[in-house]
Amino acid sequence: MVTAELLIPVALATGLWWGLTGLVLWACSLTAWPLRIAMLVCTVGCYVGLTGAAESAHEPSVTGSYLGFVSVLLVWCWLEMTFLLGLVTGPNREACPPHLSGTARFKLAFGTIAYHELALLLAGAAILIPSFGAQNHTAAVTFLVMWVMRLSAKLNLFFGVRNFYEGFLPSPTRHLASYFRRSRLTVTLFVSIWLSAGLAAIAWMEATAMDTLAYERVGAFLVATLLSLSLLEHLLLVLPIAPERLWLFKARLQRPVANA
């Protein structure tokens, strides 16, 4: 039944997106040994995710599609947590000098996230390579969607947005906000939103029109939901609301955070 095939992956993808994001934000607000335990759990989760993603590629079943999707999210949690805590960021840990602009500002900004971008590439390779020649590509497509959409969000933060998400930054990475630019709707963000909306619409039309194996339909619905959530993330950059209220962690994250 199409309704059941639609509701289950949509509910799962939305719930995991919101829940795991909140969990990472909560973990980053911890200090001392609780933070170390949280980082250890997240690292174990990353290993499980990498293993699960590789296994799911050779599992042409509905279970395999769900396994691939969840596995990528576990890997993504580790990438996000190590980034927010300043463990895997970049060689530049200084705030942006006042009045710096152009290429010089871009180089310094990239220096703040260079190691994180390398980690993303390595994680992507670990997820994508096992999918070559395999039947189930849910994990690979999920990672590609998350990587492209997050790259788009980073570029828009650099070029200018209304909301910075600065409330999500713990003290080790609070300097990143100095590289963001406050602006109304820019051409870059306008194009990003419309492209995201177009991709999401295409993904939904493809998913609902598919007449193929069940695991492929489930994977398509998961990816379509993820694209819609990515569109929401882009809209939160410009809408006149505080994105932090989605998880209510702003006050806690602005406390000093101990290094893991």
C-alpha atoms as a PDB file:
ATOM      1  CA  MET A   1       0.000   0.000   0.000  1.00  0.00           C
ATOM      2  CA  VAL A   2       1.454   3.344  -1.080  1.00  0.00           C
ATOM      3  CA  THR A   3       0.271   5.178   2.056  1.00  0.00           C
ATOM      4  CA  ALA A   4       2.119   2.797   4.404  1.00  0.00           C
ATOM      5  CA  GLU A   5       5.191   2.798   2.191  1.00  0.00           C
ATOM      6  CA  LEU A   6       5.168   6.584   2.372  1.00  0.00           C
ATOM      7  CA  LEU A   7       4.386   7.204   6.043  1.00  0.00           C
ATOM      8  CA  ILE A   8       6.895   4.804   7.591  1.00  0.00           C
ATOM      9  CA  PRO A   9      10.056   6.122   5.855  1.00  0.00           C
ATOM     10  CA  VAL A  10       8.889   9.737   6.175  1.00  0.00           C
ATOM     11  CA  ALA A  11       8.251   9.360   9.904  1.00  0.00           C
ATOM     12  CA  LEU A  12      11.523   7.501  10.447  1.00  0.00           C
ATOM     13  CA  ALA A  13      13.640   9.966   8.478  1.00  0.00           C
ATOM     14  CA  THR A  14      12.043  13.006  10.118  1.00  0.00           C
ATOM     15  CA  GLY A  15      12.248  11.557  13.612  1.00  0.00           C
ATOM     16  CA  LEU A  16      15.875  10.522  13.253  1.00  0.00           C
ATOM     17  CA  TRP A  17      16.836  13.880  11.720  1.00  0.00           C
ATOM     18  CA  TRP A  18      15.315  15.793  14.620  1.00  0.00           C
ATOM     19  CA  GLY A  19      16.215  13.324  17.365  1.00  0.00           C
ATOM     20  CA  LEU A  20      19.841  12.681  16.418  1.00  0.00           C
ATOM     21  CA  THR A  21      20.478  16.388  15.844  1.00  0.00           C
ATOM     22  CA  GLY A  22      19.117  17.137  19.296  1.00  0.00           C
ATOM     23  CA  LEU A  23      21.156  14.304  20.785  1.00  0.00           C
ATOM     24  CA  VAL A  24      24.388  15.637  19.288  1.00  0.00           C
ATOM     25  CA  LEU A  25      23.617  19.147  20.539  1.00  0.00           C
ATOM     26  CA  TRP A  26      22.873  17.788  23.992  1.00  0.00           C
ATOM     27  CA  ALA A  27      26.098  15.737  24.015  1.00  0.00           C
ATOM     28  CA  CYS A  28      28.112  18.809  23.052  1.00  0.00           C
ATOM     29  CA  SER A  29      26.712  20.636  26.084  1.00  0.00           C
ATOM     30  CA  LEU A  30      28.189  18.056  28.467  1.00  0.00           C
ATOM     31  CA  THR A  31      31.459  18.515  30.350  1.00  0.00           C
ATOM     32  CA  ALA A  32      34.268  16.376  31.774  1.00  0.00           C
ATOM     33  CA  TRP A  33      33.755  12.599  31.824  1.00  0.00           C
ATOM     34  CA  PRO A  34      30.123  12.610  30.573  1.00  0.00           C
ATOM     35  CA  LEU A  35      31.380  14.335  27.444  1.00  0.00           C
ATOM     36  CA  ARG A  36      34.115  11.743  27.011  1.00  0.00           C
ATOM     37  CA  ILE A  37      31.609   8.920  27.372  1.00  0.00           C
ATOM     38  CA  ALA A  38      29.313  10.589  24.835  1.00  0.00           C
ATOM     39  CA  MET A  39      32.225  10.938  22.416  1.00  0.00           C
ATOM     40  CA  LEU A  40      33.134   7.272  22.905  1.00  0.00           C
ATOM     41  CA  VAL A  41      29.550   6.183  22.238  1.00  0.00           C
ATOM     42  CA  CYS A  42      29.426   8.380  19.138  1.00  0.00           C
ATOM     43  CA  THR A  43      32.710   6.906  17.873  1.00  0.00           C
ATOM     44  CA  VAL A  44      31.411   3.368  18.347  1.00  0.00           C
ATOM     45  CA  GLY A  45      28.266   4.446  16.516  1.00  0.00           C
ATOM     46  CA  CYS A  46      30.395   5.731  13.644  1.00  0.00           C
ATOM     47  CA  TYR A  47      32.149   2.372  13.337  1.00  0.00           C
ATOM     48  CA  VAL A  48      28.798   0.575  13.405  1.00  0.00           C
ATOM     49  CA  GLY A  49      27.512   3.016  10.796  1.00  0.00           C
ATOM     50  CA  LEU A  50      30.422   2.481   8.424  1.00  0.00           C
ATOM     51  CA  THR A  51      30.059  -1.282   8.761  1.00  0.00           C
ATOM     52  CA  GLY A  52      26.292  -1.131   8.339  1.00  0.00           C
ATOM     53  CA  ALA A  53      26.511   1.096   5.267  1.00  0.00           C
ATOM     54  CA  ALA A  54      28.868  -1.364   3.579  1.00  0.00           C
ATOM     55  CA  GLU A  55      26.635  -4.312   4.481  1.00  0.00           C
ATOM     56  CA  SER A  56      23.471  -2.557   3.288  1.00  0.00           C
ATOM     57  CA  ALA A  57      24.861  -2.074  -0.210  1.00  0.00           C
ATOM     58  CA  HIS A  58      24.728  -5.852  -0.715  1.00  0.00           C
ATOM     59  CA  GLU A  59      21.349  -6.276   0.983  1.00  0.00           C
ATOM     60  CA  PRO A  60      18.594  -5.765  -1.650  1.00  0.00           C
ATOM     61  CA  SER A  61      15.734  -5.625   0.827  1.00  0.00           C
ATOM     62  CA  VAL A  62      13.617  -3.113   2.728  1.00  0.00           C
ATOM     63  CA  THR A  63      15.705  -3.850   5.810  1.00  0.00           C
ATOM     64  CA  GLY A  64      18.830  -3.107   3.790  1.00  0.00           C
ATOM     65  CA  SER A  65      17.478   0.295   2.746  1.00  0.00           C
ATOM     66  CA  TYR A  66      16.634   1.249   6.326  1.00  0.00           C
ATOM     67  CA  LEU A  67      20.012  -0.069   7.493  1.00  0.00           C
ATOM     68  CA  GLY A  68      21.852   2.028   4.909  1.00  0.00           C
ATOM     69  CA  PHE A  69      19.960   5.181   5.819  1.00  0.00           C
ATOM     70  CA  VAL A  70      20.383   4.815   9.584  1.00  0.00           C
ATOM     71  CA  SER A  71      24.042   3.844   9.189  1.00  0.00           C
ATOM     72  CA  VAL A  72      24.850   7.042   7.311  1.00  0.00           C
ATOM     73  CA  LEU A  73      23.142   9.110  10.006  1.00  0.00           C
ATOM     74  CA  LEU A  74      25.313   7.443  12.662  1.00  0.00           C
ATOM     75  CA  VAL A  75      28.450   8.334  10.710  1.00  0.00           C
ATOM     76  CA  TRP A  76      27.141  11.868  10.236  1.00  0.00           C
ATOM     77  CA  CYS A  77      26.617  12.239  13.999  1.00  0.00           C
ATOM     78  CA  TRP A  78      30.303  11.523  14.596  1.00  0.00           C
ATOM     79  CA  LEU A  79      31.327  14.002  11.903  1.00  0.00           C
ATOM     80  CA  GLU A  80      29.103  16.693  13.408  1.00  0.00           C
ATOM     81  CA  MET A  81      30.097  16.074  17.022  1.00  0.00           C
ATOM     82  CA  THR A  82      33.836  16.061  16.368  1.00  0.00           C
ATOM     83  CA  PHE A  83      33.382  19.256  14.385  1.00  0.00           C
ATOM     84  CA  LEU A  84      31.294  21.116  16.976  1.00  0.00           C
ATOM     85  CA  LEU A  85      33.698  20.139  19.762  1.00  0.00           C
ATOM     86  CA  GLY A  86      36.658  21.411  17.745  1.00  0.00           C
ATOM     87  CA  LEU A  87      38.271  17.972  17.522  1.00  0.00           C
ATOM     88  CA  VAL A  88      38.227  17.807  13.702  1.00  0.00           C
ATOM     89  CA  THR A  89      37.980  21.319  12.295  1.00  0.00           C
ATOM     90  CA  GLY A  90      40.957  22.953  10.585  1.00  0.00           C
ATOM     91  CA  PRO A  91      44.386  24.532  11.141  1.00  0.00           C
ATOM     92  CA  ASN A  92      42.902  28.010  11.597  1.00  0.00           C
ATOM     93  CA  ARG A  93      41.288  28.429  15.016  1.00  0.00           C
ATOM     94  CA  GLU A  94      41.251  32.217  15.072  1.00  0.00           C
ATOM     95  CA  ALA A  95      38.355  34.598  14.534  1.00  0.00           C
ATOM     96  CA  CYS A  96      38.107  36.458  11.246  1.00  0.00           C
ATOM     97  CA  PRO A  97      40.071  39.741  11.336  1.00  0.00           C
ATOM     98  CA  PRO A  98      37.826  42.808  11.086  1.00  0.00           C
ATOM     99  CA  HIS A  99      37.157  44.180   7.598  1.00  0.00           C
ATOM    100  CA  LEU A 100      38.753  41.164   5.866  1.00  0.00           C
ATOM    101  CA  SER A 101      36.977  40.301   2.627  1.00  0.00           C
ATOM    102  CA  GLY A 102      37.283  38.581  -0.723  1.00  0.00           C
ATOM    103  CA  THR A 103      39.724  35.756  -1.374  1.00  0.00           C
ATOM    104  CA  ALA A 104      41.639  36.333   1.853  1.00  0.00           C
ATOM    105  CA  ARG A 105      38.468  35.862   3.916  1.00  0.00           C
ATOM    106  CA  PHE A 106      37.541  32.732   1.973  1.00  0.00           C
ATOM    107  CA  LYS A 107      40.996  31.180   2.512  1.00  0.00           C
ATOM    108  CA  LEU A 108      40.885  31.805   6.242  1.00  0.00           C
ATOM    109  CA  ALA A 109      37.317  30.521   6.415  1.00  0.00           C
ATOM    110  CA  PHE A 110      38.280  27.314   4.622  1.00  0.00           C
ATOM    111  CA  GLY A 111      41.189  26.947   7.011  1.00  0.00           C
ATOM    112  CA  THR A 112      38.722  26.695   9.886  1.00  0.00           C
ATOM    113  CA  ILE A 113      37.023  23.599   8.408  1.00  0.00           C
ATOM    114  CA  ALA A 114      39.696  21.999   6.194  1.00  0.00           C
ATOM    115  CA  TYR A 115      40.220  18.878   8.322  1.00  0.00           C
ATOM    116  CA  HIS A 116      36.465  18.444   8.676  1.00  0.00           C
ATOM    117  CA  GLU A 117      36.066  18.550   4.904  1.00  0.00           C
ATOM    118  CA  LEU A 118      38.801  15.926   4.561  1.00  0.00           C
ATOM    119  CA  ALA A 119      36.996  13.750   7.108  1.00  0.00           C
ATOM    120  CA  LEU A 120      33.820  14.095   5.037  1.00  0.00           C
ATOM    121  CA  LEU A 121      35.661  12.951   1.916  1.00  0.00           C
ATOM    122  CA  LEU A 122      37.159   9.944   3.700  1.00  0.00           C
ATOM    123  CA  ALA A 123      33.811   8.979   5.196  1.00  0.00           C
ATOM    124  CA  GLY A 124      32.189   9.412   1.803  1.00  0.00           C
ATOM    125  CA  ALA A 125      34.750   7.138   0.191  1.00  0.00           C
ATOM    126  CA  ALA A 126      34.184   4.494   2.878  1.00  0.00           C
ATOM    127  CA  ILE A 127      30.439   4.584   2.163  1.00  0.00           C
ATOM    128  CA  LEU A 128      30.484   5.005  -1.620  1.00  0.00           C
ATOM    129  CA  ILE A 129      33.170   2.476  -2.604  1.00  0.00           C
ATOM    130  CA  PRO A 130      31.258  -0.589  -1.277  1.00  0.00           C
ATOM    131  CA  SER A 131      28.216   0.536  -3.289  1.00  0.00           C
ATOM    132  CA  PHE A 132      29.999   0.225  -6.653  1.00  0.00           C
ATOM    133  CA  GLY A 133      28.432  -2.691  -8.462  1.00  0.00           C
ATOM    134  CA  ALA A 134      26.068  -3.351  -5.552  1.00  0.00           C
ATOM    135  CA  GLN A 135      22.268  -3.445  -5.726  1.00  0.00           C
ATOM    136  CA  ASN A 136      21.218  -1.189  -2.855  1.00  0.00           C
ATOM    137  CA  HIS A 137      22.436   2.413  -3.137  1.00  0.00           C
ATOM    138  CA  THR A 138      20.405   3.946  -0.302  1.00  0.00           C
ATOM    139  CA  ALA A 139      23.447   4.592   1.896  1.00  0.00           C
ATOM    140  CA  ALA A 140      25.475   6.102  -0.943  1.00  0.00           C
ATOM    141  CA  VAL A 141      22.696   8.420  -2.122  1.00  0.00           C
ATOM    142  CA  THR A 142      21.850   9.424   1.451  1.00  0.00           C
ATOM    143  CA  PHE A 143      25.439  10.472   2.127  1.00  0.00           C
ATOM    144  CA  LEU A 144      25.713  12.368  -1.162  1.00  0.00           C
ATOM    145  CA  VAL A 145      22.509  14.298  -0.442  1.00  0.00           C
ATOM    146  CA  MET A 146      23.669  15.206   3.072  1.00  0.00           C
ATOM    147  CA  TRP A 147      27.123  16.228   1.865  1.00  0.00           C
ATOM    148  CA  VAL A 148      25.882  18.408  -1.006  1.00  0.00           C
ATOM    149  CA  MET A 149      23.175  20.083   1.053  1.00  0.00           C
ATOM    150  CA  ARG A 150      25.499  20.745   3.982  1.00  0.00           C
ATOM    151  CA  LEU A 151      28.091  22.203   1.600  1.00  0.00           C
ATOM    152  CA  SER A 152      25.388  24.485   0.220  1.00  0.00           C
ATOM    153  CA  ALA A 153      24.469  25.614   3.746  1.00  0.00           C
ATOM    154  CA  LYS A 154      28.118  26.348   4.592  1.00  0.00           C
ATOM    155  CA  LEU A 155      28.574  28.453   1.466  1.00  0.00           C
ATOM    156  CA  ASN A 156      25.405  30.390   2.198  1.00  0.00           C
ATOM    157  CA  LEU A 157      26.551  31.095   5.751  1.00  0.00           C
ATOM    158  CA  PHE A 158      29.740  32.513   4.260  1.00  0.00           C
ATOM    159  CA  PHE A 159      28.007  34.662   1.621  1.00  0.00           C
ATOM    160  CA  GLY A 160      25.264  35.888   3.919  1.00  0.00           C
ATOM    161  CA  VAL A 161      22.087  34.729   5.658  1.00  0.00           C
ATOM    162  CA  ARG A 162      19.614  36.124   8.144  1.00  0.00           C
ATOM    163  CA  ASN A 163      20.102  33.425  10.804  1.00  0.00           C
ATOM    164  CA  PHE A 164      23.582  32.270  11.763  1.00  0.00           C
ATOM    165  CA  TYR A 165      22.872  29.172  13.859  1.00  0.00           C
ATOM    166  CA  GLU A 166      25.469  30.670  16.213  1.00  0.00           C
ATOM    167  CA  GLY A 167      23.444  29.383  19.145  1.00  0.00           C
ATOM    168  CA  PHE A 168      24.463  25.865  18.102  1.00  0.00           C
ATOM    169  CA  LEU A 169      28.196  26.554  18.400  1.00  0.00           C
ATOM    170  CA  PRO A 170      29.938  25.463  21.622  1.00  0.00           C
ATOM    171  CA  SER A 171      32.911  27.492  22.815  1.00  0.00           C
ATOM    172  CA  PRO A 172      35.573  25.453  20.879  1.00  0.00           C
ATOM    173  CA  THR A 173      34.008  26.468  17.557  1.00  0.00           C
ATOM    174  CA  ARG A 174      32.390  29.784  18.439  1.00  0.00           C
ATOM    175  CA  HIS A 175      35.015  31.613  16.364  1.00  0.00           C
ATOM    176  CA  LEU A 176      33.366  30.215  13.222  1.00  0.00           C
ATOM    177  CA  ALA A 177      30.537  32.728  13.570  1.00  0.00           C
ATOM    178  CA  SER A 178      32.988  35.537  12.763  1.00  0.00           C
ATOM    179  CA  TYR A 179      33.233  34.135   9.225  1.00  0.00           C
ATOM    180  CA  PHE A 180      29.468  34.210   8.717  1.00  0.00           C
ATOM    181  CA  ARG A 181      27.825  37.232   7.152  1.00  0.00           C
ATOM    182  CA  ARG A 182      24.517  38.708   8.217  1.00  0.00           C
ATOM    183  CA  SER A 183      22.366  39.507   5.215  1.00  0.00           C
ATOM    184  CA  ARG A 184      18.860  39.289   3.862  1.00  0.00           C
ATOM    185  CA  LEU A 185      17.986  36.917   1.050  1.00  0.00           C
ATOM    186  CA  THR A 186      21.051  36.747  -1.224  1.00  0.00           C
ATOM    187  CA  VAL A 187      21.117  35.504  -4.801  1.00  0.00           C
ATOM    188  CA  THR A 188      23.120  32.481  -3.648  1.00  0.00           C
ATOM    189  CA  LEU A 189      20.552  31.503  -1.026  1.00  0.00           C
ATOM    190  CA  PHE A 190      17.639  32.222  -3.394  1.00  0.00           C
ATOM    191  CA  VAL A 191      19.119  29.869  -5.994  1.00  0.00           C
ATOM    192  CA  SER A 192      19.958  27.272  -3.324  1.00  0.00           C
ATOM    193  CA  ILE A 193      16.395  27.261  -2.006  1.00  0.00           C
ATOM    194  CA  TRP A 194      14.864  26.901  -5.451  1.00  0.00           C
ATOM    195  CA  LEU A 195      17.296  24.166  -6.456  1.00  0.00           C
ATOM    196  CA  SER A 196      16.618  22.328  -3.181  1.00  0.00           C
ATOM    197  CA  ALA A 197      12.881  22.655  -3.719  1.00  0.00           C
ATOM    198  CA  GLY A 198      13.207  21.418  -7.288  1.00  0.00           C
ATOM    199  CA  LEU A 199      15.310  18.411  -6.283  1.00  0.00           C
ATOM    200  CA  ALA A 200      12.893  17.555  -3.485  1.00  0.00           C
ATOM    201  CA  ALA A 201       9.921  17.792  -5.855  1.00  0.00           C
ATOM    202  CA  ILE A 202      11.632  15.587  -8.429  1.00  0.00           C
ATOM    203  CA  ALA A 203      12.579  13.064  -5.748  1.00  0.00           C
ATOM    204  CA  TRP A 204       8.975  12.864  -4.502  1.00  0.00           C
ATOM    205  CA  MET A 205       7.597  12.457  -8.006  1.00  0.00           C
ATOM    206  CA  GLU A 206      10.127   9.728  -8.773  1.00  0.00           C
ATOM    207  CA  ALA A 207       9.449   7.938  -5.491  1.00  0.00           C
ATOM    208  CA  THR A 208       5.666   7.954  -5.849  1.00  0.00           C
ATOM    209  CA  ALA A 209       5.788   6.962  -9.511  1.00  0.00           C
ATOM    210  CA  MET A 210       8.234   4.071  -9.073  1.00  0.00           C
ATOM    211  CA  ASP A 211       6.933   0.651 -10.063  1.00  0.00           C
ATOM    212  CA  THR A 212       9.840  -1.442  -8.891  1.00  0.00           C
ATOM    213  CA  LEU A 213      11.133  -3.482  -5.968  1.00  0.00           C
ATOM    214  CA  ALA A 214      10.008  -2.515  -2.461  1.00  0.00           C
ATOM    215  CA  TYR A 215      13.497  -1.720  -1.150  1.00  0.00           C
ATOM    216  CA  GLU A 216      14.083   0.735  -3.981  1.00  0.00           C
ATOM    217  CA  ARG A 217      10.809   2.527  -3.226  1.00  0.00           C
ATOM    218  CA  VAL A 218      11.640   2.740   0.479  1.00  0.00           C
ATOM    219  CA  GLY A 219      15.084   4.116  -0.332  1.00  0.00           C
ATOM    220  CA  ALA A 220      13.527   6.669  -2.684  1.00  0.00           C
ATOM    221  CA  PHE A 221      11.052   7.835  -0.013  1.00  0.00           C
ATOM    222  CA  LEU A 222      13.861   8.155   2.557  1.00  0.00           C
ATOM    223  CA  VAL A 223      15.960  10.265   0.199  1.00  0.00           C
ATOM    224  CA  ALA A 224      12.972  12.420  -0.811  1.00  0.00           C
ATOM    225  CA  THR A 225      12.243  13.111   2.866  1.00  0.00           C
ATOM    226  CA  LEU A 226      15.884  13.963   3.494  1.00  0.00           C
ATOM    227  CA  LEU A 227      15.845  16.430   0.592  1.00  0.00           C
ATOM    228  CA  SER A 228      12.726  18.054   2.046  1.00  0.00           C
ATOM    229  CA  LEU A 229      14.423  18.375   5.441  1.00  0.00           C
ATOM    230  CA  SER A 230      17.459  19.893   3.734  1.00  0.00           C
ATOM    231  CA  LEU A 231      15.141  22.430   2.095  1.00  0.00           C
ATOM    232  CA  LEU A 232      13.788  23.238   5.574  1.00  0.00           C
ATOM    233  CA  GLU A 233      17.346  23.796   6.826  1.00  0.00           C
ATOM    234  CA  HIS A 234      17.917  26.293   4.011  1.00  0.00           C
ATOM    235  CA  LEU A 235      14.642  28.067   4.767  1.00  0.00           C
ATOM    236  CA  LEU A 236      15.653  28.364   8.433  1.00  0.00           C
ATOM    237  CA  LEU A 237      18.623  30.431   7.278  1.00  0.00           C
ATOM    238  CA  VAL A 238      16.303  33.188   6.081  1.00  0.00           C
ATOM    239  CA  LEU A 239      12.946  32.863   7.861  1.00  0.00           C
ATOM    240  CA  PRO A 240      12.359  35.329  10.742  1.00  0.00           C
ATOM    241  CA  ILE A 241      12.520  32.670  13.453  1.00  0.00           C
ATOM    242  CA  ALA A 242      15.235  31.395  15.782  1.00  0.00           C
ATOM    243  CA  PRO A 243      16.335  27.932  14.525  1.00  0.00           C
ATOM    244  CA  GLU A 244      17.663  27.118  18.012  1.00  0.00           C
ATOM    245  CA  ARG A 245      14.082  26.842  19.299  1.00  0.00           C
ATOM    246  CA  LEU A 246      13.644  23.588  17.391  1.00  0.00           C
ATOM    247  CA  TRP A 247      15.816  21.870  20.007  1.00  0.00           C
ATOM    248  CA  LEU A 248      15.931  24.412  22.881  1.00  0.00           C
ATOM    249  CA  PHE A 249      19.658  23.970  23.440  1.00  0.00           C
ATOM    250  CA  LYS A 250      20.853  27.529  22.883  1.00  0.00           C
ATOM    251  CA  ALA A 251      21.391  28.465  26.509  1.00  0.00           C
ATOM    252  CA  ARG A 252      23.282  25.295  27.365  1.00  0.00           C
ATOM    253  CA  LEU A 253      25.538  25.356  24.334  1.00  0.00           C
ATOM    254  CA  GLN A 254      26.736  28.827  25.150  1.00  0.00           C
ATOM    255  CA  ARG A 255      28.376  27.557  28.339  1.00  0.00           C
ATOM    256  CA  PRO A 256      32.116  26.777  28.141  1.00  0.00           C
ATOM    257  CA  VAL A 257      32.589  23.221  26.948  1.00  0.00           C
ATOM    258  CA  ALA A 258      35.460  21.112  28.220  1.00  0.00           C
ATOM    259  CA  ASN A 259      37.738  19.492  25.658  1.00  0.00           C
ATOM    260  CA  ALA A 260      37.184  15.788  25.157  1.00  0.00           C
END
